[in-house]
Amino acid sequence: MKRTLAALALLGAAILPAKADEVGKVGVDWLGNDIVIDAVSDPKVQGVTCHLASFSRGVIDRLQKGNWFEDPSNASISCQQTGPINIGDIKLGEDGERVFSERTSLIWKKLVITRIYDKANNTLIYLAHATQVQDGSAKTSISTIPLFAGNVTWAKGKPE
């Protein structure tokens, strides 16, 4: 019964995109700019939670500097094991798999978390970065989860 419930949970997680839950907000100046901290759980890897800090521009800053419909690409990520790790059907290629995406401009730019499996080091890498159609951002942040501990389960068996 437990295995059936775990399999159903992994299947449901594979279909649903990750969502961010705001856990904190720090005001940084009198212009209304904030640093927002979100908790993001990987939908295909149970037991891993990433905390993403990103910049949110206030109304006064938008009025003062223009560029009304866009937040900066600055972000920082820290991921930790928050329970037993159960890895579902994840992509194993070097380009990884998008875990989370949030629009940071009206049209083009998104703040993204991409997961990459480093087979040689048996580690999950989480990369926070911005996407843009033009002039992509080089501002990135990474966090890693080593998988050498005994409490890691692979739904399809560990890749060889």
Protein backbone atom coordinates (compact mmCIF):
# COMPACT_ATOMS: atom_id res chain seq x y z
CA MET A 1 0.00 0.00 0.00
CA LYS A 2 2.81 2.44 0.90
CA ARG A 3 4.56 1.75 -2.41
CA THR A 4 1.33 2.36 -4.34
CA LEU A 5 0.79 5.69 -2.56
CA ALA A 6 4.43 6.68 -3.16
CA ALA A 7 4.13 5.78 -6.86
CA LEU A 8 0.92 7.82 -7.17
CA ALA A 9 2.60 10.77 -5.42
CA LEU A 10 5.56 10.60 -7.82
CA LEU A 11 3.23 10.37 -10.82
CA GLY A 12 1.24 13.38 -9.63
CA ALA A 13 4.43 15.31 -8.98
CA ALA A 14 5.68 14.55 -12.49
CA ILE A 15 2.58 16.15 -13.98
CA LEU A 16 2.37 19.24 -11.79
CA PRO A 17 4.96 22.04 -12.07
CA ALA A 18 6.75 23.20 -8.95
CA LYS A 19 5.18 26.12 -7.18
CA ALA A 20 6.83 28.67 -4.97
CA ASP A 21 5.59 29.43 -1.48
CA GLU A 22 6.69 32.83 -0.20
CA VAL A 23 8.32 32.36 3.20
CA GLY A 24 9.87 35.79 3.68
CA LYS A 25 10.16 39.32 2.34
CA VAL A 26 12.80 41.86 3.31
CA GLY A 27 12.39 45.54 2.45
CA VAL A 28 15.71 46.90 1.23
CA ASP A 29 15.03 50.62 0.70
CA TRP A 30 12.44 53.40 0.84
CA LEU A 31 11.57 52.88 -2.87
CA GLY A 32 9.58 49.76 -2.01
CA ASN A 33 12.11 47.30 -3.39
CA ASP A 34 12.09 43.91 -1.66
CA ILE A 35 14.04 40.69 -1.57
CA VAL A 36 11.49 37.87 -1.67
CA ILE A 37 12.35 34.41 -0.37
CA ASP A 38 10.37 31.48 -1.76
CA ALA A 39 10.44 27.78 -0.87
CA VAL A 40 10.32 25.56 -3.97
CA SER A 41 9.95 21.78 -3.74
CA ASP A 42 11.21 19.75 -6.69
CA PRO A 43 8.10 18.03 -8.14
CA LYS A 44 10.08 14.95 -9.25
CA VAL A 45 12.44 14.66 -6.29
CA GLN A 46 10.71 14.31 -2.94
CA GLY A 47 12.77 15.34 0.07
CA VAL A 48 14.53 18.31 -1.55
CA THR A 49 13.52 21.92 -0.93
CA CYS A 50 15.16 24.93 -2.55
CA HIS A 51 14.98 28.43 -1.13
CA LEU A 52 15.13 31.09 -3.82
CA ALA A 53 15.87 34.73 -3.02
CA SER A 54 14.95 37.20 -5.76
CA PHE A 55 14.56 40.96 -6.16
CA SER A 56 11.14 42.57 -6.54
CA ARG A 57 11.04 46.20 -7.67
CA GLY A 58 8.64 48.60 -5.97
CA VAL A 59 6.30 51.07 -7.68
CA ILE A 60 8.47 54.12 -6.89
CA ASP A 61 11.55 52.43 -8.38
CA ARG A 62 9.54 51.53 -11.50
CA LEU A 63 8.34 55.13 -11.87
CA GLN A 64 11.81 56.54 -11.27
CA LYS A 65 13.77 54.26 -13.60
CA GLY A 66 11.20 53.26 -16.20
CA ASN A 67 11.24 49.70 -17.43
CA TRP A 68 7.86 49.21 -15.76
CA PHE A 69 7.28 45.57 -16.49
CA GLU A 70 10.53 43.87 -15.50
CA ASP A 71 12.34 42.78 -12.35
CA PRO A 72 16.14 42.33 -12.28
CA SER A 73 17.61 38.90 -13.02
CA ASN A 74 19.33 38.70 -9.63
CA ALA A 75 18.59 35.50 -7.71
CA SER A 76 20.26 33.21 -5.22
CA ILE A 77 19.42 29.58 -4.46
CA SER A 78 20.12 27.19 -1.61
CA CYS A 79 18.78 23.63 -1.68
CA GLN A 80 18.76 21.14 1.17
CA GLN A 81 17.60 17.63 1.86
CA THR A 82 14.42 18.05 3.91
CA GLY A 83 13.43 14.38 4.16
CA PRO A 84 14.10 10.98 2.62
CA ILE A 85 14.95 11.51 -1.07
CA ASN A 86 12.71 9.77 -3.61
CA ILE A 87 13.79 10.47 -7.18
CA GLY A 88 11.14 10.05 -9.85
CA ASP A 89 11.55 9.94 -13.61
CA ILE A 90 14.02 12.81 -14.07
CA LYS A 91 15.95 13.78 -17.18
CA LEU A 92 19.57 12.69 -16.92
CA GLY A 93 21.08 14.66 -19.84
CA GLU A 94 23.65 17.41 -19.33
CA ASP A 95 21.07 20.12 -20.18
CA GLY A 96 18.99 19.03 -17.19
CA GLU A 97 15.32 19.70 -16.60
CA ARG A 98 13.37 22.81 -15.68
CA VAL A 99 11.95 22.46 -12.18
CA PHE A 100 10.44 25.92 -11.66
CA SER A 101 9.68 28.98 -13.77
CA GLU A 102 8.30 32.38 -12.80
CA ARG A 103 7.76 35.34 -15.12
CA THR A 104 9.89 38.40 -14.23
CA SER A 105 8.85 40.60 -17.14
CA LEU A 106 5.64 41.20 -19.02
CA ILE A 107 6.72 39.21 -22.07
CA TRP A 108 10.11 37.50 -22.30
CA LYS A 109 12.09 37.03 -19.13
CA LYS A 110 11.59 34.29 -16.56
CA LEU A 111 13.39 33.26 -13.39
CA VAL A 112 14.07 29.54 -13.73
CA ILE A 113 15.40 26.67 -11.62
CA THR A 114 17.00 23.87 -13.65
CA ARG A 115 17.98 20.51 -12.14
CA ILE A 116 21.01 18.64 -13.53
CA TYR A 117 22.15 15.18 -12.42
CA ASP A 118 25.94 14.88 -12.10
CA LYS A 119 26.34 11.10 -12.49
CA ALA A 120 30.12 11.06 -11.91
CA ASN A 121 29.68 12.70 -8.49
CA ASN A 122 26.23 11.27 -7.71
CA THR A 123 24.89 14.76 -7.06
CA LEU A 124 21.84 16.82 -8.01
CA ILE A 125 22.69 20.37 -9.09
CA TYR A 126 20.07 23.11 -8.92
CA LEU A 127 20.81 26.17 -11.07
CA ALA A 128 18.87 29.44 -10.70
CA HIS A 129 19.06 31.68 -13.78
CA ALA A 130 17.10 34.07 -15.94
CA THR A 131 15.91 33.41 -19.46
CA GLN A 132 15.47 36.02 -22.13
CA VAL A 133 14.90 35.89 -25.85
CA GLN A 134 17.51 38.63 -26.29
CA ASP A 135 20.59 39.30 -24.16
CA GLY A 136 20.25 36.40 -21.70
CA SER A 137 21.46 37.01 -18.20
CA ALA A 138 24.76 35.64 -16.95
CA LYS A 139 23.64 36.05 -13.33
CA THR A 140 23.42 32.53 -11.95
CA SER A 141 23.47 30.73 -8.64
CA ILE A 142 23.85 27.01 -7.92
CA SER A 143 23.23 24.61 -5.06
CA THR A 144 23.99 20.90 -4.84
CA ILE A 145 22.49 17.88 -3.12
CA PRO A 146 24.93 14.94 -2.76
CA LEU A 147 23.18 11.57 -3.07
CA PHE A 148 25.74 9.33 -1.35
CA ALA A 149 23.63 8.89 1.80
CA GLY A 150 21.70 5.65 2.21
CA ASN A 151 18.25 7.25 2.25
CA VAL A 152 17.93 7.86 -1.52
CA THR A 153 15.42 5.88 -3.58
CA TRP A 154 15.24 5.96 -7.39
CA ALA A 155 11.82 5.15 -8.89
CA LYS A 156 13.43 3.49 -11.92
CA GLY A 157 16.62 2.37 -10.22
CA LYS A 158 19.84 4.35 -9.94
CA PRO A 159 21.34 5.20 -13.36
CA GLU A 160 24.37 3.08 -14.19
